[in-house]
Protein backbone atom coordinates (compact mmCIF):
# COMPACT_ATOMS: atom_id res chain seq x y z
CA MET A 1 0.00 0.00 0.00
CA LEU A 2 1.75 3.14 -1.24
CA SER A 3 0.94 6.57 0.17
CA LYS A 4 2.08 10.15 -0.42
CA ALA A 5 4.80 9.80 2.22
CA ASP A 6 6.54 7.17 0.10
CA ASP A 7 7.73 9.91 -2.26
CA TYR A 8 9.88 11.36 0.54
CA PRO A 9 13.23 9.81 1.62
CA ILE A 10 12.04 9.01 5.13
CA HIS A 11 11.72 5.21 5.17
CA GLN A 12 13.04 3.33 8.19
CA THR A 13 12.32 -0.22 7.01
CA PRO A 14 11.78 -2.00 3.67
CA ASP A 15 8.01 -1.57 4.19
CA PRO A 16 6.00 1.29 2.72
CA ILE A 17 5.36 4.13 5.21
CA ALA A 18 1.76 2.91 5.62
CA PHE A 19 3.07 0.06 7.81
CA SER A 20 4.43 0.80 11.31
CA GLY A 21 5.91 -2.29 12.88
CA THR A 22 3.48 -4.80 14.42
CA ASP A 23 2.17 -3.22 17.65
CA ARG A 24 -1.49 -2.21 17.26
CA ASN A 25 -0.91 0.55 19.86
CA PHE A 26 1.58 2.44 17.70
CA TYR A 27 0.68 6.13 17.46
CA ASP A 28 2.08 9.40 16.08
CA ARG A 29 0.79 12.68 17.54
CA TYR A 30 0.97 16.47 17.40
CA PHE A 31 0.17 18.35 20.62
CA PHE A 32 -0.11 22.11 21.14
CA ASN A 33 -1.09 24.43 23.95
CA GLY A 34 -1.10 28.18 24.46
CA TYR A 35 -2.14 30.75 27.01
CA THR A 36 -2.34 34.50 27.35
CA THR A 37 -0.06 35.92 30.01
CA ASP A 38 -3.04 37.42 31.86
CA GLY A 39 -4.40 33.89 32.35
CA LYS A 40 -7.79 34.61 30.79
CA VAL A 41 -7.38 32.33 27.76
CA PHE A 42 -5.95 28.82 27.46
CA PHE A 43 -6.21 26.62 24.38
CA ALA A 44 -4.90 23.28 23.18
CA ALA A 45 -4.97 21.07 20.11
CA ALA A 46 -4.00 17.50 19.28
CA LEU A 47 -3.92 15.40 16.12
CA GLY A 48 -3.16 11.71 16.35
CA VAL A 49 -2.45 9.02 13.77
CA TYR A 50 -3.01 5.33 14.59
CA PRO A 51 -1.73 3.34 11.58
CA HIS A 52 -2.76 -0.13 12.76
CA LEU A 53 -6.25 1.06 13.68
CA ASN A 54 -6.49 2.99 10.38
CA ILE A 55 -7.79 6.05 12.27
CA MET A 56 -6.80 9.71 12.57
CA ASP A 57 -8.42 11.99 15.16
CA ALA A 58 -8.05 15.53 16.40
CA GLY A 59 -9.33 17.93 19.01
CA PHE A 60 -9.28 21.67 19.61
CA ALA A 61 -10.42 23.35 22.81
CA VAL A 62 -10.24 26.82 24.31
CA ARG A 63 -11.00 28.12 27.79
CA ILE A 64 -12.17 31.73 27.89
CA GLY A 65 -12.71 32.93 31.43
CA ASP A 66 -14.50 30.12 33.27
CA ARG A 67 -15.87 28.21 30.29
CA GLN A 68 -14.11 25.65 28.09
CA TYR A 69 -15.29 24.98 24.52
CA ASN A 70 -14.29 21.57 23.07
CA LEU A 71 -14.36 20.39 19.46
CA HIS A 72 -13.71 16.70 18.69
CA THR A 73 -13.32 14.98 15.34
CA SER A 74 -12.28 11.60 13.96
CA ARG A 75 -12.02 9.89 10.59
CA HIS A 76 -10.79 6.75 8.93
CA LEU A 77 -7.16 7.13 7.91
CA HIS A 78 -7.22 5.03 4.72
CA MET A 79 -3.49 4.43 5.38
CA GLU A 80 -2.64 7.98 4.22
CA ARG A 81 -0.69 9.83 6.88
CA MET A 82 0.32 12.92 4.87
CA ASP A 83 -3.18 14.40 4.92
CA THR A 84 -3.10 15.98 8.38
CA GLN A 85 -6.69 17.16 8.39
CA VAL A 86 -9.57 15.63 10.31
CA GLY A 87 -12.92 17.23 9.58
CA PRO A 88 -12.61 20.92 10.50
CA ILE A 89 -9.15 20.64 12.12
CA ARG A 90 -5.89 20.82 10.16
CA VAL A 91 -2.20 20.94 11.15
CA GLU A 92 0.38 22.41 8.79
CA VAL A 93 4.17 22.22 9.13
CA VAL A 94 5.24 25.64 7.84
CA GLU A 95 8.93 25.25 8.66
CA PRO A 96 10.02 21.91 10.15
CA LEU A 97 11.24 22.12 13.76
CA LYS A 98 10.39 25.83 13.86
CA VAL A 99 6.93 27.00 12.71
CA LEU A 100 3.60 25.12 12.74
CA ARG A 101 0.06 26.24 12.05
CA VAL A 102 -3.29 25.00 13.36
CA ILE A 103 -6.47 25.80 11.42
CA VAL A 104 -9.98 25.14 12.68
CA ASP A 105 -12.81 25.81 10.24
CA ASP A 106 -16.06 24.81 11.92
CA SER A 107 -19.41 26.35 11.05
CA GLU A 108 -21.69 24.06 13.06
CA TYR A 109 -20.49 24.74 16.60
CA GLY A 110 -19.07 28.26 16.31
CA ILE A 111 -15.46 27.39 17.08
CA SER A 112 -12.70 28.28 14.62
CA ALA A 113 -9.08 29.40 14.61
CA ASP A 114 -6.06 30.22 12.51
CA ILE A 115 -3.03 30.20 14.78
CA THR A 116 0.72 29.81 14.28
CA ILE A 117 3.40 28.89 16.81
CA THR A 118 7.03 29.91 16.29
CA GLY A 119 9.61 28.05 18.34
CA ARG A 120 11.71 30.01 20.81
CA HIS A 121 14.49 27.39 20.69
CA ALA A 122 15.42 24.18 18.91
CA PRO A 123 13.19 21.24 19.95
CA ILE A 124 14.35 19.21 22.94
CA GLU A 125 14.59 15.46 22.33
CA GLU A 126 13.56 13.70 25.52
CA PRO A 127 15.13 10.35 26.48
CA ARG A 128 13.22 7.35 25.14
CA ASN A 129 10.55 6.46 27.67
CA THR A 130 9.84 2.75 28.15
CA ARG A 131 7.54 1.15 30.71
CA ARG A 132 6.40 -2.47 31.05
CA ASN A 133 3.64 -4.27 32.93
CA GLY A 134 5.31 -7.62 33.43
CA PRO A 135 6.14 -8.88 29.92
CA ARG A 136 3.96 -6.36 28.09
CA ILE A 137 5.05 -2.94 26.83
CA VAL A 138 2.80 -0.25 28.31
CA GLN A 139 4.70 2.74 26.98
CA ASP A 140 7.62 3.07 24.58
CA ILE A 141 7.81 6.56 23.14
CA THR A 142 10.05 9.32 21.89
CA ARG A 143 8.99 12.94 22.35
CA MET A 144 10.38 16.28 21.26
CA THR A 145 9.22 19.42 23.03
CA GLN A 146 9.48 23.04 21.94
CA LEU A 147 8.27 26.20 23.65
CA GLY A 148 7.17 29.07 21.47
CA ARG A 149 5.01 32.14 20.89
CA TRP A 150 1.62 32.23 19.19
CA SER A 151 -0.02 34.59 16.71
CA GLY A 152 -3.41 34.53 15.00
CA TRP A 153 -7.02 34.41 16.20
CA ILE A 154 -9.55 32.10 17.85
CA LYS A 155 -13.35 32.28 17.83
CA ALA A 156 -15.41 30.43 20.45
CA GLY A 157 -18.46 31.11 22.57
CA GLY A 158 -19.36 34.09 20.43
CA GLN A 159 -16.02 35.79 21.20
CA THR A 160 -12.96 36.49 19.06
CA ILE A 161 -9.53 36.34 20.70
CA THR A 162 -6.54 37.93 18.95
CA LEU A 163 -3.17 36.38 19.77
CA ASN A 164 0.22 37.98 19.35
CA GLU A 165 3.74 36.88 20.18
CA THR A 166 4.08 39.28 23.12
CA ASN A 167 1.04 38.11 25.09
CA THR A 168 0.49 34.48 24.04
CA LEU A 169 2.99 31.81 25.01
CA GLY A 170 2.85 28.05 24.77
CA THR A 171 4.34 24.69 23.96
CA ARG A 172 4.12 22.11 21.23
CA ASP A 173 5.37 18.57 21.14
CA ARG A 174 5.60 15.61 18.81
CA SER A 175 5.54 12.13 20.23
CA TRP A 176 5.41 8.71 18.63
CA GLY A 177 5.76 5.10 19.66
CA VAL A 178 3.56 2.77 21.72
CA ARG A 179 0.98 3.72 24.34
CA HIS A 180 -2.59 2.59 24.96
CA ILE A 181 -5.01 3.76 22.25
CA GLY A 182 -8.55 2.84 21.27
CA LEU A 183 -10.42 0.04 23.03
CA ARG A 184 -8.74 -1.87 25.80
CA ASP A 185 -7.45 -5.38 25.26
CA PRO A 186 -10.16 -7.82 26.44
CA GLN A 187 -7.45 -10.04 27.94
CA MET A 188 -5.14 -8.00 30.09
CA PRO A 189 -1.83 -9.53 31.27
CA VAL A 190 -1.56 -11.19 34.65
CA VAL A 191 -1.19 -8.15 36.88
CA THR A 192 2.35 -7.55 38.05
CA GLN A 193 2.16 -3.74 38.27
CA GLU A 194 -0.52 -1.81 40.12
CA PHE A 195 -2.47 0.72 38.11
CA GLN A 196 -1.44 4.20 39.15
CA VAL A 197 -0.22 7.38 37.51
CA TRP A 198 1.88 10.16 38.98
CA TRP A 199 2.76 12.65 36.28
CA ALA A 200 3.84 16.29 36.43
CA TRP A 201 4.96 18.37 33.43
CA LEU A 202 6.18 21.96 33.40
CA PRO A 203 7.32 23.84 30.29
CA ALA A 204 7.88 27.47 31.33
CA HIS A 205 8.97 30.72 29.69
CA LEU A 206 11.38 32.87 31.72
CA GLU A 207 13.04 36.18 30.92
CA ASP A 208 16.08 34.92 28.99
CA ARG A 209 15.50 31.15 28.87
CA ILE A 210 12.98 28.35 29.03
CA VAL A 211 12.69 25.51 31.51
CA HIS A 212 11.31 22.05 30.75
CA PHE A 213 10.68 19.67 33.67
CA PHE A 214 8.77 16.37 33.85
CA VAL A 215 8.52 13.43 36.23
CA ASN A 216 6.77 10.06 36.61
CA GLU A 217 6.76 8.22 39.95
CA ASP A 218 5.41 4.86 41.03
CA GLY A 219 3.16 4.31 44.02
CA ASP A 220 6.09 4.32 46.44
CA GLY A 221 7.40 7.60 45.04
CA LYS A 222 10.22 5.98 43.08
CA VAL A 223 11.06 8.03 39.99
CA TRP A 224 11.06 6.13 36.70
CA ASN A 225 11.03 9.01 34.22
CA LEU A 226 12.61 12.40 34.87
CA GLY A 227 13.99 15.36 32.97
CA ALA A 228 15.02 18.94 33.71
CA VAL A 229 16.43 21.08 30.91
CA MET A 230 17.14 24.78 30.45
CA VAL A 231 17.64 26.43 27.08
CA ARG A 232 18.83 30.03 27.04
CA ASP A 233 17.86 32.44 24.29
CA ASP A 234 21.45 32.30 22.99
CA GLY A 235 20.88 28.57 22.27
CA ALA A 236 22.91 27.15 25.16
CA VAL A 237 21.37 23.95 26.53
CA GLU A 238 21.90 22.83 30.11
CA HIS A 239 20.67 19.51 31.51
CA LEU A 240 20.12 19.82 35.25
CA HIS A 241 20.82 17.04 37.73
CA GLY A 242 19.22 15.73 40.90
CA ALA A 243 15.87 17.32 40.14
CA GLN A 244 13.25 16.88 42.87
CA MET A 245 9.71 18.17 43.13
CA ASP A 246 7.59 18.95 46.18
CA MET A 247 3.88 19.46 45.53
CA GLU A 248 1.05 20.80 47.69
CA PHE A 249 -2.55 19.99 46.78
CA VAL A 250 -5.75 21.97 46.85
CA PRO A 251 -7.48 20.66 50.02
CA GLY A 252 -9.81 17.76 49.29
CA THR A 253 -8.49 17.25 45.74
CA ARG A 254 -5.61 15.86 43.73
CA PHE A 255 -5.06 19.14 41.89
CA PRO A 256 -1.80 20.97 42.68
CA ALA A 257 -2.03 24.21 44.65
CA SER A 258 1.70 24.89 44.39
CA ALA A 259 4.94 23.10 43.61
CA MET A 260 8.68 23.59 43.94
CA VAL A 261 11.44 21.99 41.87
CA THR A 262 15.08 22.01 42.92
CA ALA A 263 18.05 20.91 40.80
CA GLN A 264 21.77 21.45 40.28
CA ASP A 265 23.98 22.34 37.34
CA GLU A 266 27.28 20.66 36.41
CA THR A 267 29.22 22.73 38.94
CA GLY A 268 26.84 22.07 41.82
CA GLY A 269 25.04 25.38 41.58
CA SER A 270 21.48 25.17 42.88
CA TYR A 271 18.35 26.17 40.98
CA ARG A 272 14.87 26.55 42.45
CA ILE A 273 11.62 26.78 40.49
CA ASP A 274 8.49 27.91 42.33
CA ILE A 275 5.19 27.20 40.55
CA LYS A 276 1.78 28.65 41.33
CA PRO A 277 -1.04 27.13 39.23
CA HIS A 278 -4.10 29.22 38.44
CA ALA A 279 -7.12 28.44 36.23
CA ARG A 280 -7.32 24.85 35.02
CA PHE A 281 -7.83 23.49 31.51
CA TYR A 282 -9.18 19.95 31.16
CA LEU A 283 -7.42 17.78 28.60
CA SER A 284 -10.55 15.70 28.02
CA GLY A 285 -11.41 18.59 25.71
CA ILE A 286 -8.87 17.21 23.22
CA GLY A 287 -9.45 13.52 23.89
CA TYR A 288 -7.29 12.61 26.88
CA MET A 289 -9.32 10.28 29.16
CA ASN A 290 -12.51 11.30 27.38
CA PRO A 291 -14.97 8.36 27.48
CA GLU A 292 -16.67 9.40 24.22
CA TRP A 293 -13.72 10.80 22.24
CA SER A 294 -10.73 8.92 23.61
CA HIS A 295 -7.77 8.73 21.25
CA GLY A 296 -8.05 6.03 18.61
CA LEU A 297 -11.72 5.13 19.02
CA ASN A 298 -13.51 4.18 15.81
CA LYS A 299 -16.21 6.83 15.36
CA GLY A 300 -16.92 5.90 11.74
CA PRO A 301 -15.71 7.30 8.39
CA LEU A 302 -16.01 10.91 9.67
CA ALA A 303 -17.49 12.25 12.89
CA THR A 304 -17.45 15.56 14.75
CA GLY A 305 -18.68 16.39 18.24
CA TYR A 306 -18.77 19.30 20.64
CA ASP A 307 -19.22 19.93 24.36
CA GLU A 308 -18.52 22.57 26.97
CA ILE A 309 -17.06 22.39 30.48
CA GLU A 310 -17.62 24.87 33.28
CA SER A 311 -13.97 25.39 34.16
CA ASN A 312 -12.95 25.09 37.83
CA ALA A 313 -16.58 24.38 38.77
CA GLY A 314 -15.81 22.07 41.66
CA ALA A 315 -12.98 19.54 41.86
CA LYS A 316 -14.79 16.23 41.46
CA HIS A 317 -12.48 13.62 39.99
CA GLY A 318 -13.63 11.82 36.88
CA PRO A 319 -12.85 11.29 33.19
CA SER A 320 -13.61 14.91 32.26
CA THR A 321 -11.49 16.54 34.97
CA GLU A 322 -8.77 14.15 36.12
CA HIS A 323 -6.12 15.17 33.60
CA ALA A 324 -5.56 18.93 33.70
CA GLN A 325 -3.16 21.69 32.79
CA ALA A 326 -3.09 25.04 34.55
CA THR A 327 -1.86 28.46 33.56
CA SER A 328 0.90 29.12 36.08
CA THR A 329 3.17 31.86 37.29
CA VAL A 330 6.76 30.67 37.65
CA LYS A 331 9.71 32.06 39.59
CA LEU A 332 13.23 30.80 38.87
CA THR A 333 16.01 31.41 41.38
CA LEU A 334 19.49 31.04 39.86
CA PRO A 335 22.61 29.85 41.75
CA ASP A 336 23.76 33.46 42.30
CA GLY A 337 20.42 34.38 43.86
CA THR A 338 19.12 36.23 40.81
CA VAL A 339 15.40 35.78 40.25
CA GLN A 340 13.57 35.50 36.94
CA ASN A 341 9.79 35.57 36.65
CA GLY A 342 7.72 33.99 33.93
CA HIS A 343 4.72 31.96 32.85
CA GLY A 344 4.19 28.29 32.19
CA CYS A 345 1.80 25.41 31.96
CA PHE A 346 1.68 22.96 34.87
CA GLU A 347 0.17 19.60 33.91
CA SER A 348 -0.76 16.97 36.47
CA LEU A 349 -2.34 13.52 36.42
CA VAL A 350 -2.54 11.70 39.75
CA ILE A 351 -4.44 8.40 39.86
CA GLY A 352 -4.12 5.57 42.35
CA ARG A 353 -1.74 5.07 45.23
CA HIS A 354 1.08 7.50 45.95
CA THR A 355 2.27 6.83 49.47
CA PRO A 356 4.46 9.96 49.88
CA SER A 357 1.38 12.13 49.19
CA GLY A 358 -0.94 10.11 51.40
CA PHE A 359 -3.03 8.68 48.54
CA THR A 360 -3.92 5.04 49.16
CA SER A 361 -6.56 4.12 46.54
CA MET A 362 -7.72 5.18 43.09
CA PHE A 363 -9.22 8.61 43.86
CA ASP A 364 -9.04 9.12 47.63
CA VAL A 365 -7.75 12.35 49.13
CA PRO A 366 -6.09 12.71 52.56
């Protein structure tokens, strides 16, 4: 099965590009988010390709004030990965590794956009992330992350938001590999690993640099995936060591109220990052943990849906609220005591036991 991609010199195996190994959970995804520095607007987009399921889906959502507007769409892939449009949502690579564009052209639900992100630095390639449940691969992915500035416009909820590179910051990433998609396997492996997730992710813009921090921990608090990188505006990249995060939660919830990250440079100099999350954005708006529009579900040849969420209306845990990002103010203290202030996105997903935080079951709170 030949496709448009076969005319480009990008093959990795003797197979045509339409074939991606043998794991049905292989995926290839674009992710974007953005936020105004005053915290009033937050938006995100995702477009995923699932070659073995023969499906492509996408989502675009924007929070304006206290209301989040969510557009979902899915189609059959027909083994053609070069057509990065799903219904009303399209992703364009304007300049590889530098400039990307997201276009939303919806007339039915009143949500549309034409926005462009320009990278502030070269993309960061994260270490390959592999996780098993006994003999079975649960996660085996590569991700590149790039912070940038947005321009363009968004329409939702009867309002038009104009973005410019001085007041709208954000992040985009590309990830590919193996992670759960679509329907669950009817025969799960004999359980050797408890189901729990502890995930925190912070890409932040500072005055003369960016910071990118992420961490996964198991139920005992043991770190199994960690990264802390700084990239200065002059292009210098510094990988920090010994990164640790302390997190405080909003009482009665699993949503972070504040967090602090500490780390050291090659010479032993100490860095401290203080994070204060503000208004939340729920990633179910672009498919994450969404029971109706989860990534990779077969919705038919072409389907589009829409819903709205009352943002921050209570903190009940469930599929529509569990996985969240929050506009955040960030303060970086350098080894010489100098302080830089900035803005970032603080993502959290906390499910199941995490003994250091006092969580003992799936959704309990201390």
